[in-house]
């Protein structure tokens, strides 16, 4: 029996699955982070190779799909491919993997997200968690990506963006140079701070990650439900920003289907109205889809796609 192995890696964890020829998950496991910008190249490669090795058993290996956060530029891809290639060759000697007959795909995690929507290398996906990126494939098989520029110059509408704006509003409310907001109280209580000013220690002394800032999103949603206008406006802006991201992608792909992947699905009702209003005149028939597979399965399915980048042995 042949299997495909999928690796979905990010800044907090790495999910690995083994699929049989029917797409059934035979094994699944989790390893620590594999975004090399977060944990370094050595640790990222180690976690990926360990996961692949543990997912392999007696079956015939037909392909490996590796879908990782942090593979954003050609240089990122080359660095990661070179690191993985050496360790994969060692693994091949131990397990008799017949490279180069077995394809090994390496792509950004948005590719695994796209495949998770319908199991096909087609359509469009909006992947929003800590960051935000949209990826699509048109009818000619051309691949387009919008967003994914990182938190310094992009990621508008992302979890980090919402959390950062909430913290900014909290400080402005406390100092009095901005509108009064319930975020001043709700964030303080959520983080168990004695007073608002302790947010500086929480942020800077502890060197909080973007993921920890993004974890404030549920607080913003709840505060918006309490009637806080500032929280409501932050969510409206986020929905609009994601609408603009999607519009830019759909203009390139001409598609009318969009998969929603990531933590965005948990708060979609708070974003949908402003998101749809940004698109309604130009893309009135847009259909929103929930993914049918987890991203790790999407990564495994990537190994059978020809339009993606492969590690050459």
C-alpha atoms as a PDB file:
ATOM      1  CA  UNK A   1       0.000   0.000   0.000  1.00  0.00           C
ATOM      2  CA  UNK A   2       1.295   3.437  -0.933  1.00  0.00           C
ATOM      3  CA  UNK A   3       1.195   6.445   1.370  1.00  0.00           C
ATOM      4  CA  UNK A   4       1.724  10.187   1.195  1.00  0.00           C
ATOM      5  CA  UNK A   5       3.171  12.114   4.121  1.00  0.00           C
ATOM      6  CA  UNK A   6       2.118  15.674   4.862  1.00  0.00           C
ATOM      7  CA  UNK A   7       3.893  18.200   7.077  1.00  0.00           C
ATOM      8  CA  UNK A   8       2.172  21.422   8.140  1.00  0.00           C
ATOM      9  CA  UNK A   9       4.585  23.540  10.141  1.00  0.00           C
ATOM     10  CA  UNK A  10       4.378  26.896  11.865  1.00  0.00           C
ATOM     11  CA  UNK A  11       5.750  28.982  14.686  1.00  0.00           C
ATOM     12  CA  UNK A  12       4.168  26.968  17.487  1.00  0.00           C
ATOM     13  CA  UNK A  13       3.783  23.381  16.264  1.00  0.00           C
ATOM     14  CA  UNK A  14       4.238  20.951  13.371  1.00  0.00           C
ATOM     15  CA  UNK A  15       1.504  18.518  12.347  1.00  0.00           C
ATOM     16  CA  UNK A  16       2.449  15.371  10.400  1.00  0.00           C
ATOM     17  CA  UNK A  17       0.078  12.868   8.779  1.00  0.00           C
ATOM     18  CA  UNK A  18       0.372   9.705   6.709  1.00  0.00           C
ATOM     19  CA  UNK A  19      -2.403   9.153   4.131  1.00  0.00           C
ATOM     20  CA  UNK A  20      -3.279   5.983   2.269  1.00  0.00           C
ATOM     21  CA  UNK A  21      -4.294   5.946  -1.395  1.00  0.00           C
ATOM     22  CA  UNK A  22      -7.922   6.706  -0.525  1.00  0.00           C
ATOM     23  CA  UNK A  23      -6.974   9.814   1.458  1.00  0.00           C
ATOM     24  CA  UNK A  24      -7.596   8.150   4.814  1.00  0.00           C
ATOM     25  CA  UNK A  25      -5.347   9.303   7.654  1.00  0.00           C
ATOM     26  CA  UNK A  26      -3.384   6.301   8.894  1.00  0.00           C
ATOM     27  CA  UNK A  27      -1.244   8.136  11.414  1.00  0.00           C
ATOM     28  CA  UNK A  28      -0.976  11.639  12.763  1.00  0.00           C
ATOM     29  CA  UNK A  29       1.496  13.178  15.162  1.00  0.00           C
ATOM     30  CA  UNK A  30       2.674  16.521  16.430  1.00  0.00           C
ATOM     31  CA  UNK A  31       6.137  18.004  16.834  1.00  0.00           C
ATOM     32  CA  UNK A  32       7.361  21.417  18.038  1.00  0.00           C
ATOM     33  CA  UNK A  33       7.601  24.465  15.775  1.00  0.00           C
ATOM     34  CA  UNK A  34       9.257  24.331  12.336  1.00  0.00           C
ATOM     35  CA  UNK A  35       9.239  27.967  11.210  1.00  0.00           C
ATOM     36  CA  UNK A  36      12.978  28.505  10.937  1.00  0.00           C
ATOM     37  CA  UNK A  37      12.600  32.227  11.591  1.00  0.00           C
ATOM     38  CA  UNK A  38      11.193  31.327  15.017  1.00  0.00           C
ATOM     39  CA  UNK A  39      13.202  28.299  16.182  1.00  0.00           C
ATOM     40  CA  UNK A  40      16.250  28.396  13.899  1.00  0.00           C
ATOM     41  CA  UNK A  41      17.180  26.146  10.993  1.00  0.00           C
ATOM     42  CA  UNK A  42      18.609  23.257  13.001  1.00  0.00           C
ATOM     43  CA  UNK A  43      15.547  22.858  15.220  1.00  0.00           C
ATOM     44  CA  UNK A  44      13.084  23.370  12.360  1.00  0.00           C
ATOM     45  CA  UNK A  45      14.707  20.654  10.246  1.00  0.00           C
ATOM     46  CA  UNK A  46      15.048  18.341  13.241  1.00  0.00           C
ATOM     47  CA  UNK A  47      11.343  18.534  14.070  1.00  0.00           C
ATOM     48  CA  UNK A  48      10.313  17.921  10.457  1.00  0.00           C
ATOM     49  CA  UNK A  49      12.645  14.963   9.914  1.00  0.00           C
ATOM     50  CA  UNK A  50      11.689  13.368  13.231  1.00  0.00           C
ATOM     51  CA  UNK A  51       8.029  13.642  12.289  1.00  0.00           C
ATOM     52  CA  UNK A  52       8.522  12.153   8.831  1.00  0.00           C
ATOM     53  CA  UNK A  53      10.612   9.320  10.268  1.00  0.00           C
ATOM     54  CA  UNK A  54       7.956   8.447  12.835  1.00  0.00           C
ATOM     55  CA  UNK A  55       5.179   8.598  10.234  1.00  0.00           C
ATOM     56  CA  UNK A  56       6.995   6.103   8.002  1.00  0.00           C
ATOM     57  CA  UNK A  57       6.300   2.413   8.536  1.00  0.00           C
ATOM     58  CA  UNK A  58       6.208  -0.536   6.163  1.00  0.00           C
ATOM     59  CA  UNK A  59       4.143   1.062   3.406  1.00  0.00           C
ATOM     60  CA  UNK A  60       5.551   2.259   0.081  1.00  0.00           C
ATOM     61  CA  UNK A  61       6.178   5.995   0.213  1.00  0.00           C
ATOM     62  CA  UNK A  62       4.716   7.814  -2.792  1.00  0.00           C
ATOM     63  CA  UNK A  63       5.386  11.419  -1.853  1.00  0.00           C
ATOM     64  CA  UNK A  64       6.100  13.970   0.858  1.00  0.00           C
ATOM     65  CA  UNK A  65       4.440  17.383   0.992  1.00  0.00           C
ATOM     66  CA  UNK A  66       5.970  19.963   3.331  1.00  0.00           C
ATOM     67  CA  UNK A  67       3.983  23.163   3.841  1.00  0.00           C
ATOM     68  CA  UNK A  68       5.680  25.655   6.166  1.00  0.00           C
ATOM     69  CA  UNK A  69       5.174  29.119   7.554  1.00  0.00           C
ATOM     70  CA  UNK A  70       8.191  31.329   6.912  1.00  0.00           C
ATOM     71  CA  UNK A  71       8.871  30.113   3.361  1.00  0.00           C
ATOM     72  CA  UNK A  72       8.022  33.479   1.851  1.00  0.00           C
ATOM     73  CA  UNK A  73      10.893  34.318  -0.514  1.00  0.00           C
ATOM     74  CA  UNK A  74      13.078  32.361  -2.957  1.00  0.00           C
ATOM     75  CA  UNK A  75      15.912  32.703  -0.457  1.00  0.00           C
ATOM     76  CA  UNK A  76      13.731  31.238   2.329  1.00  0.00           C
ATOM     77  CA  UNK A  77      12.910  28.302   0.072  1.00  0.00           C
ATOM     78  CA  UNK A  78      16.544  27.647  -0.823  1.00  0.00           C
ATOM     79  CA  UNK A  79      17.707  27.835   2.784  1.00  0.00           C
ATOM     80  CA  UNK A  80      15.037  25.397   3.953  1.00  0.00           C
ATOM     81  CA  UNK A  81      15.412  23.079   0.950  1.00  0.00           C
ATOM     82  CA  UNK A  82      19.174  22.820   1.474  1.00  0.00           C
ATOM     83  CA  UNK A  83      18.720  22.083   5.163  1.00  0.00           C
ATOM     84  CA  UNK A  84      16.066  19.445   4.561  1.00  0.00           C
ATOM     85  CA  UNK A  85      17.863  17.788   1.654  1.00  0.00           C
ATOM     86  CA  UNK A  86      20.847  16.733   3.746  1.00  0.00           C
ATOM     87  CA  UNK A  87      18.701  15.220   6.473  1.00  0.00           C
ATOM     88  CA  UNK A  88      16.291  13.595   4.022  1.00  0.00           C
ATOM     89  CA  UNK A  89      19.217  11.833   2.346  1.00  0.00           C
ATOM     90  CA  UNK A  90      20.279  10.423   5.709  1.00  0.00           C
ATOM     91  CA  UNK A  91      16.697   9.352   6.417  1.00  0.00           C
ATOM     92  CA  UNK A  92      16.563   7.695   2.987  1.00  0.00           C
ATOM     93  CA  UNK A  93      19.593   5.566   3.816  1.00  0.00           C
ATOM     94  CA  UNK A  94      17.958   4.450   7.049  1.00  0.00           C
ATOM     95  CA  UNK A  95      14.522   3.736   5.584  1.00  0.00           C
ATOM     96  CA  UNK A  96      15.307   2.875   1.931  1.00  0.00           C
ATOM     97  CA  UNK A  97      13.339   5.808   0.471  1.00  0.00           C
ATOM     98  CA  UNK A  98      14.047   5.742  -3.296  1.00  0.00           C
ATOM     99  CA  UNK A  99      14.851   9.388  -4.075  1.00  0.00           C
ATOM    100  CA  UNK A 100      14.418  10.957  -6.580  1.00  0.00           C
ATOM    101  CA  UNK A 101      11.494   8.690  -7.529  1.00  0.00           C
ATOM    102  CA  UNK A 102       9.634   9.888  -4.438  1.00  0.00           C
ATOM    103  CA  UNK A 103       8.678  13.566  -4.918  1.00  0.00           C
ATOM    104  CA  UNK A 104       9.338  15.922  -2.007  1.00  0.00           C
ATOM    105  CA  UNK A 105       7.391  19.176  -2.263  1.00  0.00           C
ATOM    106  CA  UNK A 106       8.327  22.232  -0.198  1.00  0.00           C
ATOM    107  CA  UNK A 107       6.008  25.243  -0.182  1.00  0.00           C
ATOM    108  CA  UNK A 108       4.626  28.029   1.964  1.00  0.00           C
ATOM    109  CA  UNK A 109       1.864  26.985   4.372  1.00  0.00           C
ATOM    110  CA  UNK A 110      -0.721  28.821   2.282  1.00  0.00           C
ATOM    111  CA  UNK A 111      -0.367  26.039  -0.332  1.00  0.00           C
ATOM    112  CA  UNK A 112      -1.351  23.395   2.192  1.00  0.00           C
ATOM    113  CA  UNK A 113      -4.240  25.631   3.216  1.00  0.00           C
ATOM    114  CA  UNK A 114      -5.402  25.855  -0.415  1.00  0.00           C
ATOM    115  CA  UNK A 115      -5.324  22.080  -0.811  1.00  0.00           C
ATOM    116  CA  UNK A 116      -7.250  21.663   2.448  1.00  0.00           C
ATOM    117  CA  UNK A 117     -10.301  23.470   1.066  1.00  0.00           C
ATOM    118  CA  UNK A 118     -11.371  20.892  -1.537  1.00  0.00           C
ATOM    119  CA  UNK A 119      -8.373  18.617  -1.923  1.00  0.00           C
ATOM    120  CA  UNK A 120      -7.649  20.259  -5.270  1.00  0.00           C
ATOM    121  CA  UNK A 121      -4.992  22.636  -6.563  1.00  0.00           C
ATOM    122  CA  UNK A 122      -7.597  25.155  -7.654  1.00  0.00           C
ATOM    123  CA  UNK A 123      -9.766  27.958  -6.319  1.00  0.00           C
ATOM    124  CA  UNK A 124      -8.860  30.503  -3.677  1.00  0.00           C
ATOM    125  CA  UNK A 125      -8.092  30.513   0.024  1.00  0.00           C
ATOM    126  CA  UNK A 126      -7.953  33.233   2.653  1.00  0.00           C
ATOM    127  CA  UNK A 127      -5.667  32.023   5.431  1.00  0.00           C
ATOM    128  CA  UNK A 128      -5.855  34.223   8.509  1.00  0.00           C
ATOM    129  CA  UNK A 129      -4.463  33.526  11.934  1.00  0.00           C
ATOM    130  CA  UNK A 130      -1.668  35.521  13.494  1.00  0.00           C
ATOM    131  CA  UNK A 131      -0.917  36.750   9.951  1.00  0.00           C
ATOM    132  CA  UNK A 132      -2.987  37.083   6.781  1.00  0.00           C
ATOM    133  CA  UNK A 133      -2.435  35.842   3.225  1.00  0.00           C
ATOM    134  CA  UNK A 134      -4.605  34.931   0.244  1.00  0.00           C
ATOM    135  CA  UNK A 135      -3.623  32.364  -2.397  1.00  0.00           C
ATOM    136  CA  UNK A 136      -5.402  31.343  -5.572  1.00  0.00           C
ATOM    137  CA  UNK A 137      -5.067  29.368  -8.790  1.00  0.00           C
ATOM    138  CA  UNK A 138      -6.839  30.451 -11.980  1.00  0.00           C
ATOM    139  CA  UNK A 139      -8.285  28.221 -14.698  1.00  0.00           C
ATOM    140  CA  UNK A 140      -4.941  28.178 -16.524  1.00  0.00           C
ATOM    141  CA  UNK A 141      -3.150  26.860 -13.452  1.00  0.00           C
ATOM    142  CA  UNK A 142      -1.367  30.131 -12.684  1.00  0.00           C
ATOM    143  CA  UNK A 143      -0.706  30.757  -8.992  1.00  0.00           C
ATOM    144  CA  UNK A 144      -1.298  34.144  -7.374  1.00  0.00           C
ATOM    145  CA  UNK A 145      -0.539  35.292  -3.853  1.00  0.00           C
ATOM    146  CA  UNK A 146      -1.701  38.472  -2.118  1.00  0.00           C
ATOM    147  CA  UNK A 147      -0.636  39.578   1.340  1.00  0.00           C
ATOM    148  CA  UNK A 148       1.666  37.665   3.626  1.00  0.00           C
ATOM    149  CA  UNK A 149       4.018  40.642   3.962  1.00  0.00           C
ATOM    150  CA  UNK A 150       4.477  40.224   7.699  1.00  0.00           C
ATOM    151  CA  UNK A 151       3.395  42.296  10.662  1.00  0.00           C
ATOM    152  CA  UNK A 152       5.665  45.297  10.023  1.00  0.00           C
ATOM    153  CA  UNK A 153       4.239  46.274   6.633  1.00  0.00           C
ATOM    154  CA  UNK A 154       1.240  43.998   6.137  1.00  0.00           C
ATOM    155  CA  UNK A 155      -1.045  41.413   7.758  1.00  0.00           C
ATOM    156  CA  UNK A 156      -3.942  43.882   7.954  1.00  0.00           C
ATOM    157  CA  UNK A 157      -7.024  42.155   9.321  1.00  0.00           C
ATOM    158  CA  UNK A 158      -4.987  39.413  10.979  1.00  0.00           C
ATOM    159  CA  UNK A 159      -5.162  38.304  14.583  1.00  0.00           C
ATOM    160  CA  UNK A 160      -2.005  40.237  15.371  1.00  0.00           C
ATOM    161  CA  UNK A 161      -3.390  43.352  13.693  1.00  0.00           C
ATOM    162  CA  UNK A 162      -6.596  43.180  15.739  1.00  0.00           C
ATOM    163  CA  UNK A 163      -4.702  42.557  18.973  1.00  0.00           C
ATOM    164  CA  UNK A 164      -2.217  45.364  18.360  1.00  0.00           C
ATOM    165  CA  UNK A 165      -4.988  47.852  17.586  1.00  0.00           C
ATOM    166  CA  UNK A 166      -6.786  46.811  20.760  1.00  0.00           C
ATOM    167  CA  UNK A 167      -3.671  47.479  22.831  1.00  0.00           C
ATOM    168  CA  UNK A 168      -3.235  50.846  21.119  1.00  0.00           C
ATOM    169  CA  UNK A 169      -6.859  51.728  21.890  1.00  0.00           C
ATOM    170  CA  UNK A 170      -6.386  50.617  25.482  1.00  0.00           C
ATOM    171  CA  UNK A 171      -3.426  52.963  25.954  1.00  0.00           C
ATOM    172  CA  UNK A 172      -5.191  55.851  24.195  1.00  0.00           C
ATOM    173  CA  UNK A 173      -8.252  55.389  26.394  1.00  0.00           C
ATOM    174  CA  UNK A 174      -6.167  55.307  29.553  1.00  0.00           C
ATOM    175  CA  UNK A 175      -4.158  58.429  28.671  1.00  0.00           C
ATOM    176  CA  UNK A 176      -7.171  60.341  27.405  1.00  0.00           C
ATOM    177  CA  UNK A 177      -5.877  61.220  23.946  1.00  0.00           C
ATOM    178  CA  UNK A 178      -8.274  58.711  22.410  1.00  0.00           C
ATOM    179  CA  UNK A 179     -11.920  57.742  22.920  1.00  0.00           C
ATOM    180  CA  UNK A 180     -12.810  55.979  26.140  1.00  0.00           C
ATOM    181  CA  UNK A 181     -12.988  52.233  25.573  1.00  0.00           C
ATOM    182  CA  UNK A 182     -13.980  49.207  27.621  1.00  0.00           C
ATOM    183  CA  UNK A 183     -10.805  47.594  26.288  1.00  0.00           C
ATOM    184  CA  UNK A 184      -8.990  49.490  29.015  1.00  0.00           C
ATOM    185  CA  UNK A 185     -10.737  47.284  31.565  1.00  0.00           C
ATOM    186  CA  UNK A 186     -11.284  44.044  29.672  1.00  0.00           C
ATOM    187  CA  UNK A 187      -7.674  43.630  28.539  1.00  0.00           C
ATOM    188  CA  UNK A 188      -6.358  44.534  31.991  1.00  0.00           C
ATOM    189  CA  UNK A 189      -8.601  41.915  33.582  1.00  0.00           C
ATOM    190  CA  UNK A 190      -7.901  39.304  30.911  1.00  0.00           C
ATOM    191  CA  UNK A 191      -4.136  39.609  31.387  1.00  0.00           C
ATOM    192  CA  UNK A 192      -4.554  39.779  35.174  1.00  0.00           C
ATOM    193  CA  UNK A 193      -2.762  43.090  35.442  1.00  0.00           C
ATOM    194  CA  UNK A 194      -3.122  45.175  38.593  1.00  0.00           C
ATOM    195  CA  UNK A 195      -3.350  48.350  36.519  1.00  0.00           C
ATOM    196  CA  UNK A 196      -3.281  49.423  32.885  1.00  0.00           C
ATOM    197  CA  UNK A 197       0.284  50.688  33.047  1.00  0.00           C
ATOM    198  CA  UNK A 198       1.547  47.141  33.673  1.00  0.00           C
ATOM    199  CA  UNK A 199       0.877  46.396  30.009  1.00  0.00           C
ATOM    200  CA  UNK A 200       4.354  47.781  29.281  1.00  0.00           C
ATOM    201  CA  UNK A 201       5.981  45.072  31.364  1.00  0.00           C
ATOM    202  CA  UNK A 202       3.716  42.438  29.831  1.00  0.00           C
ATOM    203  CA  UNK A 203       4.686  43.529  26.308  1.00  0.00           C
ATOM    204  CA  UNK A 204       8.303  44.562  26.457  1.00  0.00           C
ATOM    205  CA  UNK A 205       9.982  42.973  29.431  1.00  0.00           C
ATOM    206  CA  UNK A 206       8.531  39.574  28.627  1.00  0.00           C
ATOM    207  CA  UNK A 207       9.161  39.946  24.857  1.00  0.00           C
ATOM    208  CA  UNK A 208       5.708  38.801  23.870  1.00  0.00           C
ATOM    209  CA  UNK A 209       5.280  37.034  20.535  1.00  0.00           C
ATOM    210  CA  UNK A 210       2.906  38.051  17.765  1.00  0.00           C
ATOM    211  CA  UNK A 211       0.853  34.978  18.605  1.00  0.00           C
ATOM    212  CA  UNK A 212       0.360  36.210  22.169  1.00  0.00           C
ATOM    213  CA  UNK A 213      -0.822  39.591  20.894  1.00  0.00           C
ATOM    214  CA  UNK A 214      -3.182  37.821  18.480  1.00  0.00           C
ATOM    215  CA  UNK A 215      -4.585  35.843  21.418  1.00  0.00           C
ATOM    216  CA  UNK A 216      -6.343  39.051  22.510  1.00  0.00           C
ATOM    217  CA  UNK A 217      -8.814  38.743  19.609  1.00  0.00           C
ATOM    218  CA  UNK A 218     -11.523  36.977  21.690  1.00  0.00           C
ATOM    219  CA  UNK A 219     -11.312  39.838  24.199  1.00  0.00           C
ATOM    220  CA  UNK A 220     -11.933  42.349  21.400  1.00  0.00           C
ATOM    221  CA  UNK A 221     -14.894  40.327  20.108  1.00  0.00           C
ATOM    222  CA  UNK A 222     -16.445  40.053  23.566  1.00  0.00           C
ATOM    223  CA  UNK A 223     -15.889  43.756  24.271  1.00  0.00           C
ATOM    224  CA  UNK A 224     -17.540  44.593  20.948  1.00  0.00           C
ATOM    225  CA  UNK A 225     -20.563  42.513  21.978  1.00  0.00           C
ATOM    226  CA  UNK A 226     -20.722  44.585  25.159  1.00  0.00           C
ATOM    227  CA  UNK A 227     -21.345  47.626  22.950  1.00  0.00           C
ATOM    228  CA  UNK A 228     -17.851  49.116  22.900  1.00  0.00           C
ATOM    229  CA  UNK A 229     -17.646  51.276  19.772  1.00  0.00           C
ATOM    230  CA  UNK A 230     -13.855  51.137  19.566  1.00  0.00           C
ATOM    231  CA  UNK A 231     -13.804  47.335  19.608  1.00  0.00           C
ATOM    232  CA  UNK A 232     -16.548  47.272  17.007  1.00  0.00           C
ATOM    233  CA  UNK A 233     -14.610  49.628  14.738  1.00  0.00           C
ATOM    234  CA  UNK A 234     -11.457  47.494  15.052  1.00  0.00           C
ATOM    235  CA  UNK A 235     -13.390  44.454  13.841  1.00  0.00           C
ATOM    236  CA  UNK A 236     -15.058  46.421  11.042  1.00  0.00           C
ATOM    237  CA  UNK A 237     -11.633  47.594   9.868  1.00  0.00           C
ATOM    238  CA  UNK A 238     -10.319  44.027  10.000  1.00  0.00           C
ATOM    239  CA  UNK A 239     -13.198  42.697   7.916  1.00  0.00           C
ATOM    240  CA  UNK A 240     -12.718  45.478   5.386  1.00  0.00           C
ATOM    241  CA  UNK A 241      -8.968  44.822   5.181  1.00  0.00           C
ATOM    242  CA  UNK A 242      -9.557  41.127   4.528  1.00  0.00           C
ATOM    243  CA  UNK A 243     -12.128  42.077   1.917  1.00  0.00           C
ATOM    244  CA  UNK A 244      -9.559  44.222   0.114  1.00  0.00           C
ATOM    245  CA  UNK A 245      -7.044  41.374   0.280  1.00  0.00           C
ATOM    246  CA  UNK A 246      -9.591  38.981  -1.174  1.00  0.00           C
ATOM    247  CA  UNK A 247     -10.693  41.431  -3.858  1.00  0.00           C
ATOM    248  CA  UNK A 248      -7.119  41.849  -5.063  1.00  0.00           C
ATOM    249  CA  UNK A 249      -6.770  38.067  -5.353  1.00  0.00           C
ATOM    250  CA  UNK A 250     -10.100  37.476  -7.088  1.00  0.00           C
ATOM    251  CA  UNK A 251      -9.289  40.135  -9.668  1.00  0.00           C
ATOM    252  CA  UNK A 252      -6.292  38.015 -10.620  1.00  0.00           C
ATOM    253  CA  UNK A 253      -7.862  34.555 -10.505  1.00  0.00           C
ATOM    254  CA  UNK A 254     -11.406  35.490 -11.650  1.00  0.00           C
ATOM    255  CA  UNK A 255     -12.746  32.981  -9.138  1.00  0.00           C
ATOM    256  CA  UNK A 256     -16.000  33.041  -7.179  1.00  0.00           C
ATOM    257  CA  UNK A 257     -15.140  30.538  -4.449  1.00  0.00           C
ATOM    258  CA  UNK A 258     -13.099  31.285  -1.347  1.00  0.00           C
ATOM    259  CA  UNK A 259     -11.998  28.912   1.376  1.00  0.00           C
ATOM    260  CA  UNK A 260     -11.608  30.320   4.894  1.00  0.00           C
ATOM    261  CA  UNK A 261      -8.738  28.741   6.811  1.00  0.00           C
ATOM    262  CA  UNK A 262      -7.216  29.492  10.210  1.00  0.00           C
ATOM    263  CA  UNK A 263      -8.432  31.113  13.395  1.00  0.00           C
ATOM    264  CA  UNK A 264     -10.525  33.543  11.352  1.00  0.00           C
ATOM    265  CA  UNK A 265     -13.353  31.006  11.252  1.00  0.00           C
ATOM    266  CA  UNK A 266     -13.884  31.355  15.005  1.00  0.00           C
ATOM    267  CA  UNK A 267     -14.780  35.060  14.764  1.00  0.00           C
ATOM    268  CA  UNK A 268     -16.113  35.232  11.209  1.00  0.00           C
ATOM    269  CA  UNK A 269     -19.535  36.533  12.225  1.00  0.00           C
ATOM    270  CA  UNK A 270     -17.820  39.631  13.637  1.00  0.00           C
ATOM    271  CA  UNK A 271     -16.029  40.318  10.343  1.00  0.00           C
ATOM    272  CA  UNK A 272     -18.392  39.118   7.653  1.00  0.00           C
ATOM    273  CA  UNK A 273     -20.566  42.218   7.205  1.00  0.00           C
ATOM    274  CA  UNK A 274     -17.702  44.620   6.463  1.00  0.00           C
ATOM    275  CA  UNK A 275     -15.886  41.896   4.503  1.00  0.00           C
ATOM    276  CA  UNK A 276     -18.879  41.310   2.232  1.00  0.00           C
ATOM    277  CA  UNK A 277     -19.602  45.028   1.815  1.00  0.00           C
ATOM    278  CA  UNK A 278     -16.105  45.481   0.391  1.00  0.00           C
ATOM    279  CA  UNK A 279     -16.768  42.811  -2.236  1.00  0.00           C
ATOM    280  CA  UNK A 280     -20.475  42.985  -2.958  1.00  0.00           C
ATOM    281  CA  UNK A 281     -20.422  45.306  -5.969  1.00  0.00           C
ATOM    282  CA  UNK A 282     -17.720  43.404  -7.829  1.00  0.00           C
ATOM    283  CA  UNK A 283     -18.120  39.816  -6.597  1.00  0.00           C
ATOM    284  CA  UNK A 284     -21.784  39.370  -5.756  1.00  0.00           C
ATOM    285  CA  UNK A 285     -21.779  35.603  -6.255  1.00  0.00           C
ATOM    286  CA  UNK A 286     -18.822  34.808  -4.015  1.00  0.00           C
ATOM    287  CA  UNK A 287     -19.243  31.471  -2.245  1.00  0.00           C
ATOM    288  CA  UNK A 288     -17.441  30.964   1.065  1.00  0.00           C
ATOM    289  CA  UNK A 289     -16.213  27.442   1.774  1.00  0.00           C
ATOM    290  CA  UNK A 290     -15.088  25.627   4.892  1.00  0.00           C
ATOM    291  CA  UNK A 291     -12.064  23.345   4.377  1.00  0.00           C
ATOM    292  CA  UNK A 292     -12.828  19.648   4.201  1.00  0.00           C
ATOM    293  CA  UNK A 293      -9.344  18.634   5.368  1.00  0.00           C
ATOM    294  CA  UNK A 294      -6.866  19.875   7.963  1.00  0.00           C
ATOM    295  CA  UNK A 295      -3.819  21.700   6.526  1.00  0.00           C
ATOM    296  CA  UNK A 296      -1.547  18.689   7.199  1.00  0.00           C
ATOM    297  CA  UNK A 297      -3.667  16.578   4.844  1.00  0.00           C
ATOM    298  CA  UNK A 298      -3.573  19.430   2.345  1.00  0.00           C
ATOM    299  CA  UNK A 299       0.221  19.333   2.595  1.00  0.00           C
ATOM    300  CA  UNK A 300       0.274  15.593   1.873  1.00  0.00           C
ATOM    301  CA  UNK A 301      -1.886  16.084  -1.215  1.00  0.00           C
ATOM    302  CA  UNK A 302       0.591  18.694  -2.485  1.00  0.00           C
ATOM    303  CA  UNK A 303       3.084  15.917  -3.215  1.00  0.00           C
ATOM    304  CA  UNK A 304       1.015  14.910  -6.230  1.00  0.00           C
ATOM    305  CA  UNK A 305       0.825  18.403  -7.753  1.00  0.00           C
ATOM    306  CA  UNK A 306       3.115  19.391 -10.636  1.00  0.00           C
ATOM    307  CA  UNK A 307       2.862  23.213 -10.340  1.00  0.00           C
ATOM    308  CA  UNK A 308       4.707  23.380  -7.016  1.00  0.00           C
ATOM    309  CA  UNK A 309       8.383  23.448  -6.029  1.00  0.00           C
ATOM    310  CA  UNK A 310      10.185  20.183  -5.343  1.00  0.00           C
ATOM    311  CA  UNK A 311      13.456  19.435  -3.618  1.00  0.00           C
ATOM    312  CA  UNK A 312      15.764  17.932  -6.243  1.00  0.00           C
ATOM    313  CA  UNK A 313      18.037  15.071  -5.186  1.00  0.00           C
END
